[in-house]
PDB file of N, CA and C in Angstrom:
ATOM      1  N   MET A   1     -34.184   7.040  15.447  1.00  0.00           N
ATOM      2  CA  MET A   1     -33.586   5.822  14.778  1.00  0.00           C
ATOM      3  C   MET A   1     -32.371   6.595  14.209  1.00  0.00           C
ATOM      4  N   ALA A   2     -30.997   6.069  13.181  1.00  0.00           N
ATOM      5  CA  ALA A   2     -30.879   6.691  12.852  1.00  0.00           C
ATOM      6  C   ALA A   2     -30.910   6.069  11.310  1.00  0.00           C
ATOM      7  N   ILE A   3     -30.561   6.350  10.019  1.00  0.00           N
ATOM      8  CA  ILE A   3     -30.751   5.538   8.712  1.00  0.00           C
ATOM      9  C   ILE A   3     -29.704   5.275   8.492  1.00  0.00           C
ATOM     10  N   LEU A   4     -28.904   4.392   8.539  1.00  0.00           N
ATOM     11  CA  LEU A   4     -27.811   3.395   7.361  1.00  0.00           C
ATOM     12  C   LEU A   4     -28.182   3.908   5.831  1.00  0.00           C
ATOM     13  N   GLU A   5     -26.613   4.174   5.107  1.00  0.00           N
ATOM     14  CA  GLU A   5     -27.278   4.613   4.147  1.00  0.00           C
ATOM     15  C   GLU A   5     -25.391   3.371   3.150  1.00  0.00           C
ATOM     16  N   LEU A   6     -26.180   2.902   3.059  1.00  0.00           N
ATOM     17  CA  LEU A   6     -25.054   1.435   1.943  1.00  0.00           C
ATOM     18  C   LEU A   6     -24.812   2.049   1.127  1.00  0.00           C
ATOM     19  N   ASP A   7     -25.117   2.715   0.475  1.00  0.00           N
ATOM     20  CA  ASP A   7     -24.165   3.143  -1.432  1.00  0.00           C
ATOM     21  C   ASP A   7     -22.813   4.292  -1.276  1.00  0.00           C
ATOM     22  N   LYS A   8     -23.441   4.992   0.283  1.00  0.00           N
ATOM     23  CA  LYS A   8     -21.884   5.984   0.427  1.00  0.00           C
ATOM     24  C   LYS A   8     -20.920   5.876   1.768  1.00  0.00           C
ATOM     25  N   ILE A   9     -21.177   4.349   2.454  1.00  0.00           N
ATOM     26  CA  ILE A   9     -20.158   3.727   3.373  1.00  0.00           C
ATOM     27  C   ILE A   9     -19.016   2.957   1.663  1.00  0.00           C
ATOM     28  N   ILE A  10     -17.823   3.522   2.720  1.00  0.00           N
ATOM     29  CA  ILE A  10     -16.478   3.169   1.302  1.00  0.00           C
ATOM     30  C   ILE A  10     -15.230   2.098   2.069  1.00  0.00           C
ATOM     31  N   PHE A  11     -15.109   1.176   1.644  1.00  0.00           N
ATOM     32  CA  PHE A  11     -14.781   0.239   2.133  1.00  0.00           C
ATOM     33  C   PHE A  11     -13.072  -0.346   1.543  1.00  0.00           C
ATOM     34  N   THR A  12     -12.027   0.134   2.861  1.00  0.00           N
ATOM     35  CA  THR A  12     -10.657  -0.046   2.679  1.00  0.00           C
ATOM     36  C   THR A  12     -10.093  -1.353   3.229  1.00  0.00           C
ATOM     37  N   LYS A  13      -8.530  -1.377   2.247  1.00  0.00           N
ATOM     38  CA  LYS A  13      -8.136  -2.895   2.417  1.00  0.00           C
ATOM     39  C   LYS A  13      -6.694  -1.064   3.260  1.00  0.00           C
ATOM     40  N   THR A  14      -6.639  -1.614   4.730  1.00  0.00           N
ATOM     41  CA  THR A  14      -4.887  -0.873   5.011  1.00  0.00           C
ATOM     42  C   THR A  14      -4.582  -2.130   5.768  1.00  0.00           C
ATOM     43  N   VAL A  15      -3.252  -2.020   5.531  1.00  0.00           N
ATOM     44  CA  VAL A  15      -1.831  -2.573   5.731  1.00  0.00           C
ATOM     45  C   VAL A  15      -1.143  -2.216   7.718  1.00  0.00           C
ATOM     46  N   ILE A  16      -1.674  -3.802   7.952  1.00  0.00           N
ATOM     47  CA  ILE A  16      -1.498  -3.067   9.852  1.00  0.00           C
ATOM     48  C   ILE A  16      -0.568  -3.317  10.237  1.00  0.00           C
ATOM     49  N   GLY A  17      -0.423  -1.855  11.008  1.00  0.00           N
ATOM     50  CA  GLY A  17       1.145  -2.495  11.287  1.00  0.00           C
ATOM     51  C   GLY A  17       1.746  -1.356  10.754  1.00  0.00           C
ATOM     52  N   ILE A  18       1.873  -0.671   9.207  1.00  0.00           N
ATOM     53  CA  ILE A  18       2.020  -0.062   8.870  1.00  0.00           C
ATOM     54  C   ILE A  18       1.907   1.489   8.901  1.00  0.00           C
ATOM     55  N   VAL A  19       3.259   2.448   8.853  1.00  0.00           N
ATOM     56  CA  VAL A  19       2.776   3.139   9.326  1.00  0.00           C
ATOM     57  C   VAL A  19       3.825   4.421   8.351  1.00  0.00           C
ATOM     58  N   CYS A  20       3.431   5.581   7.663  1.00  0.00           N
ATOM     59  CA  CYS A  20       4.087   6.603   7.472  1.00  0.00           C
ATOM     60  C   CYS A  20       4.749   7.168   7.958  1.00  0.00           C
ATOM     61  N   THR A  21       6.229   7.390   8.080  1.00  0.00           N
ATOM     62  CA  THR A  21       6.791   7.699   8.629  1.00  0.00           C
ATOM     63  C   THR A  21       7.267   9.550   8.373  1.00  0.00           C
ATOM     64  N   LYS A  22       6.318  10.070   7.458  1.00  0.00           N
ATOM     65  CA  LYS A  22       6.351  11.381   7.920  1.00  0.00           C
ATOM     66  C   LYS A  22       5.010  12.125   8.341  1.00  0.00           C
ATOM     67  N   CYS A  23       4.118  11.521   8.462  1.00  0.00           N
ATOM     68  CA  CYS A  23       2.101  12.292   8.946  1.00  0.00           C
ATOM     69  C   CYS A  23       2.107  10.565   9.835  1.00  0.00           C
ATOM     70  N   GLY A  24       2.716   9.905   9.712  1.00  0.00           N
ATOM     71  CA  GLY A  24       1.887   9.059  10.505  1.00  0.00           C
ATOM     72  C   GLY A  24       0.939   8.629   9.898  1.00  0.00           C
ATOM     73  N   GLY A  25      -0.075   8.728   8.546  1.00  0.00           N
ATOM     74  CA  GLY A  25      -1.269   8.264   8.283  1.00  0.00           C
ATOM     75  C   GLY A  25      -0.959   6.704   7.671  1.00  0.00           C
ATOM     76  N   ASP A  26      -1.997   6.003   7.542  1.00  0.00           N
ATOM     77  CA  ASP A  26      -2.172   4.200   7.465  1.00  0.00           C
ATOM     78  C   ASP A  26      -2.002   4.123   4.942  1.00  0.00           C
ATOM     79  N   LEU A  27      -0.720   3.114   5.040  1.00  0.00           N
ATOM     80  CA  LEU A  27      -0.349   2.931   3.947  1.00  0.00           C
ATOM     81  C   LEU A  27      -0.993   2.110   3.138  1.00  0.00           C
ATOM     82  N   LYS A  28      -1.738   2.049   1.796  1.00  0.00           N
ATOM     83  CA  LYS A  28      -2.002   1.339   1.155  1.00  0.00           C
ATOM     84  C   LYS A  28      -1.594   0.531  -0.241  1.00  0.00           C
ATOM     85  N   PRO A  29      -1.995  -0.749   0.000  1.00  0.00           N
ATOM     86  CA  PRO A  29      -0.576  -0.773  -1.826  1.00  0.00           C
ATOM     87  C   PRO A  29      -1.111  -0.679  -2.906  1.00  0.00           C
ATOM     88  N   THR A  30      -0.127   0.377  -3.943  1.00  0.00           N
ATOM     89  CA  THR A  30      -0.228  -0.304  -4.996  1.00  0.00           C
ATOM     90  C   THR A  30      -0.719  -0.427  -6.744  1.00  0.00           C
ATOM     91  N   GLY A  31      -1.013  -0.287  -7.266  1.00  0.00           N
ATOM     92  CA  GLY A  31      -0.805  -1.364  -7.711  1.00  0.00           C
ATOM     93  C   GLY A  31       0.090  -1.640  -9.325  1.00  0.00           C
ATOM     94  N   LYS A  32       0.363  -0.761  -9.159  1.00  0.00           N
ATOM     95  CA  LYS A  32       1.406  -0.582 -10.312  1.00  0.00           C
ATOM     96  C   LYS A  32       2.223  -1.391  -9.879  1.00  0.00           C
ATOM     97  N   LYS A  33       3.409  -2.953 -11.078  1.00  0.00           N
ATOM     98  CA  LYS A  33       4.134  -3.416 -10.978  1.00  0.00           C
ATOM     99  C   LYS A  33       5.674  -2.176 -12.133  1.00  0.00           C
ATOM    100  N   HIS A  34       6.873  -2.108 -11.258  1.00  0.00           N
ATOM    101  CA  HIS A  34       8.078  -1.650 -12.398  1.00  0.00           C
ATOM    102  C   HIS A  34       8.772  -2.435 -12.610  1.00  0.00           C
ATOM    103  N   LEU A  35       9.642  -2.066 -13.940  1.00  0.00           N
ATOM    104  CA  LEU A  35      10.278  -2.950 -14.188  1.00  0.00           C
ATOM    105  C   LEU A  35      11.405  -3.458 -14.134  1.00  0.00           C
ATOM    106  N   SER A  36      11.966  -2.603 -12.680  1.00  0.00           N
ATOM    107  CA  SER A  36      12.590  -3.126 -11.858  1.00  0.00           C
ATOM    108  C   SER A  36      12.445  -3.828 -10.727  1.00  0.00           C
ATOM    109  N   ASP A  37      11.506  -4.168 -10.064  1.00  0.00           N
ATOM    110  CA  ASP A  37      10.780  -5.608  -9.437  1.00  0.00           C
ATOM    111  C   ASP A  37      11.036  -6.281  -9.979  1.00  0.00           C
ATOM    112  N   LYS A  38      10.310  -6.423 -11.653  1.00  0.00           N
ATOM    113  CA  LYS A  38      10.518  -7.370 -12.435  1.00  0.00           C
ATOM    114  C   LYS A  38      12.217  -8.298 -12.116  1.00  0.00           C
ATOM    115  N   VAL A  39      13.097  -7.269 -12.477  1.00  0.00           N
ATOM    116  CA  VAL A  39      14.682  -8.008 -12.768  1.00  0.00           C
ATOM    117  C   VAL A  39      15.502  -7.872 -11.051  1.00  0.00           C
ATOM    118  N   PHE A  40      14.393  -7.556  -9.844  1.00  0.00           N
ATOM    119  CA  PHE A  40      14.200  -7.701  -8.662  1.00  0.00           C
ATOM    120  C   PHE A  40      15.021  -8.770  -8.516  1.00  0.00           C
ATOM    121  N   ASN A  41      13.650  -9.077  -9.209  1.00  0.00           N
ATOM    122  CA  ASN A  41      13.353 -10.194  -8.847  1.00  0.00           C
ATOM    123  C   ASN A  41      13.230 -11.602  -9.374  1.00  0.00           C
ATOM    124  N   VAL A  42      13.888 -10.924 -10.435  1.00  0.00           N
ATOM    125  CA  VAL A  42      14.553 -12.314 -10.908  1.00  0.00           C
ATOM    126  C   VAL A  42      15.895 -12.588 -10.846  1.00  0.00           C
ATOM    127  N   VAL A  43      16.784 -11.387  -9.989  1.00  0.00           N
ATOM    128  CA  VAL A  43      18.050 -11.934  -9.643  1.00  0.00           C
ATOM    129  C   VAL A  43      17.651 -11.992  -8.234  1.00  0.00           C
ATOM    130  N   SER A  44      17.036 -12.069  -8.070  1.00  0.00           N
ATOM    131  CA  SER A  44      17.514 -12.669  -6.342  1.00  0.00           C
ATOM    132  C   SER A  44      16.450 -14.398  -6.241  1.00  0.00           C
ATOM    133  N   PHE A  45      16.249 -14.706  -7.632  1.00  0.00           N
ATOM    134  CA  PHE A  45      15.443 -15.946  -7.608  1.00  0.00           C
ATOM    135  C   PHE A  45      14.531 -15.893  -6.836  1.00  0.00           C
ATOM    136  N   GLY A  46      13.073 -15.042  -7.120  1.00  0.00           N
ATOM    137  CA  GLY A  46      12.288 -14.694  -5.673  1.00  0.00           C
ATOM    138  C   GLY A  46      11.856 -14.661  -4.960  1.00  0.00           C
ATOM    139  N   LYS A  47      13.478 -15.282  -3.899  1.00  0.00           N
ATOM    140  CA  LYS A  47      12.853 -14.626  -2.583  1.00  0.00           C
ATOM    141  C   LYS A  47      12.702 -13.468  -1.718  1.00  0.00           C
ATOM    142  N   VAL A  48      12.797 -12.596  -2.355  1.00  0.00           N
ATOM    143  CA  VAL A  48      12.820 -11.376  -1.988  1.00  0.00           C
ATOM    144  C   VAL A  48      11.338 -10.837  -2.752  1.00  0.00           C
ATOM    145  N   LYS A  49      11.054 -10.790  -2.503  1.00  0.00           N
ATOM    146  CA  LYS A  49       9.726 -10.186  -3.348  1.00  0.00           C
ATOM    147  C   LYS A  49       9.420  -8.405  -3.177  1.00  0.00           C
ATOM    148  N   ILE A  50       9.170  -6.870  -3.658  1.00  0.00           N
ATOM    149  CA  ILE A  50       9.035  -5.983  -3.512  1.00  0.00           C
ATOM    150  C   ILE A  50       8.078  -5.754  -3.550  1.00  0.00           C
ATOM    151  N   ARG A  51       7.505  -5.363  -2.372  1.00  0.00           N
ATOM    152  CA  ARG A  51       6.140  -4.120  -1.787  1.00  0.00           C
ATOM    153  C   ARG A  51       5.502  -2.989  -2.541  1.00  0.00           C
ATOM    154  N   ARG A  52       5.233  -2.125  -2.799  1.00  0.00           N
ATOM    155  CA  ARG A  52       4.573  -0.883  -3.036  1.00  0.00           C
ATOM    156  C   ARG A  52       3.750  -0.019  -2.407  1.00  0.00           C
ATOM    157  N   TYR A  53       4.216   0.519  -1.785  1.00  0.00           N
ATOM    158  CA  TYR A  53       2.717   1.126  -0.127  1.00  0.00           C
ATOM    159  C   TYR A  53       3.053   2.565  -0.662  1.00  0.00           C
ATOM    160  N   GLN A  54       1.945   3.529  -0.912  1.00  0.00           N
ATOM    161  CA  GLN A  54       1.647   5.144  -0.917  1.00  0.00           C
ATOM    162  C   GLN A  54       0.749   5.528   0.246  1.00  0.00           C
ATOM    163  N   CYS A  55       1.199   6.507   0.893  1.00  0.00           N
ATOM    164  CA  CYS A  55      -0.079   7.132   2.147  1.00  0.00           C
ATOM    165  C   CYS A  55      -1.190   7.720   1.771  1.00  0.00           C
ATOM    166  N   ASP A  56      -2.119   7.896   2.710  1.00  0.00           N
ATOM    167  CA  ASP A  56      -3.511   8.063   2.811  1.00  0.00           C
ATOM    168  C   ASP A  56      -3.134   9.583   2.234  1.00  0.00           C
ATOM    169  N   ASN A  57      -2.833  10.181   3.455  1.00  0.00           N
ATOM    170  CA  ASN A  57      -2.863  11.743   3.300  1.00  0.00           C
ATOM    171  C   ASN A  57      -0.990  12.582   2.696  1.00  0.00           C
ATOM    172  N   CYS A  58      -0.503  11.913   2.437  1.00  0.00           N
ATOM    173  CA  CYS A  58       0.381  13.068   2.111  1.00  0.00           C
ATOM    174  C   CYS A  58       1.290  12.089   0.498  1.00  0.00           C
ATOM    175  N   LYS A  59       0.502  11.441   0.172  1.00  0.00           N
ATOM    176  CA  LYS A  59       0.999  11.012  -0.588  1.00  0.00           C
ATOM    177  C   LYS A  59       2.183   9.948  -0.616  1.00  0.00           C
ATOM    178  N   LYS A  60       3.323  10.193   0.231  1.00  0.00           N
ATOM    179  CA  LYS A  60       4.404   9.449  -0.456  1.00  0.00           C
ATOM    180  C   LYS A  60       4.510   8.061  -0.733  1.00  0.00           C
ATOM    181  N   LYS A  61       5.849   7.381  -1.238  1.00  0.00           N
ATOM    182  CA  LYS A  61       5.402   6.286  -1.465  1.00  0.00           C
ATOM    183  C   LYS A  61       6.618   6.164  -1.151  1.00  0.00           C
ATOM    184  N   TYR A  62       6.360   4.712  -0.667  1.00  0.00           N
ATOM    185  CA  TYR A  62       7.558   3.725  -0.323  1.00  0.00           C
ATOM    186  C   TYR A  62       7.338   1.942  -0.637  1.00  0.00           C
ATOM    187  N   ILE A  63       8.941   1.599  -0.436  1.00  0.00           N
ATOM    188  CA  ILE A  63       9.130   0.215  -0.994  1.00  0.00           C
ATOM    189  C   ILE A  63       9.846   0.182  -0.165  1.00  0.00           C
ATOM    190  N   ILE A  64       9.109  -1.701   0.167  1.00  0.00           N
ATOM    191  CA  ILE A  64       9.842  -2.063   1.482  1.00  0.00           C
ATOM    192  C   ILE A  64       9.243  -3.527   0.766  1.00  0.00           C
ATOM    193  N   LEU A  65      10.656  -4.178   0.683  1.00  0.00           N
ATOM    194  CA  LEU A  65      11.436  -5.773   0.773  1.00  0.00           C
ATOM    195  C   LEU A  65      10.546  -6.545   2.003  1.00  0.00           C
TER     196      LEU A  65
END
């Protein structure tokens, strides 16, 4: 019978349906907010929200409106 070590299991939240165009890896949301995101949100009266993602494999950054 195999022993399951719960301390070594890492749970990560992935976004379903969004993949990297360069390598095909999973994109994960980044926690950073930029000043340009806030300015664009104010100019669009809050209708358009900017989301920033980063690929796990190649570390390429994406901006999705």
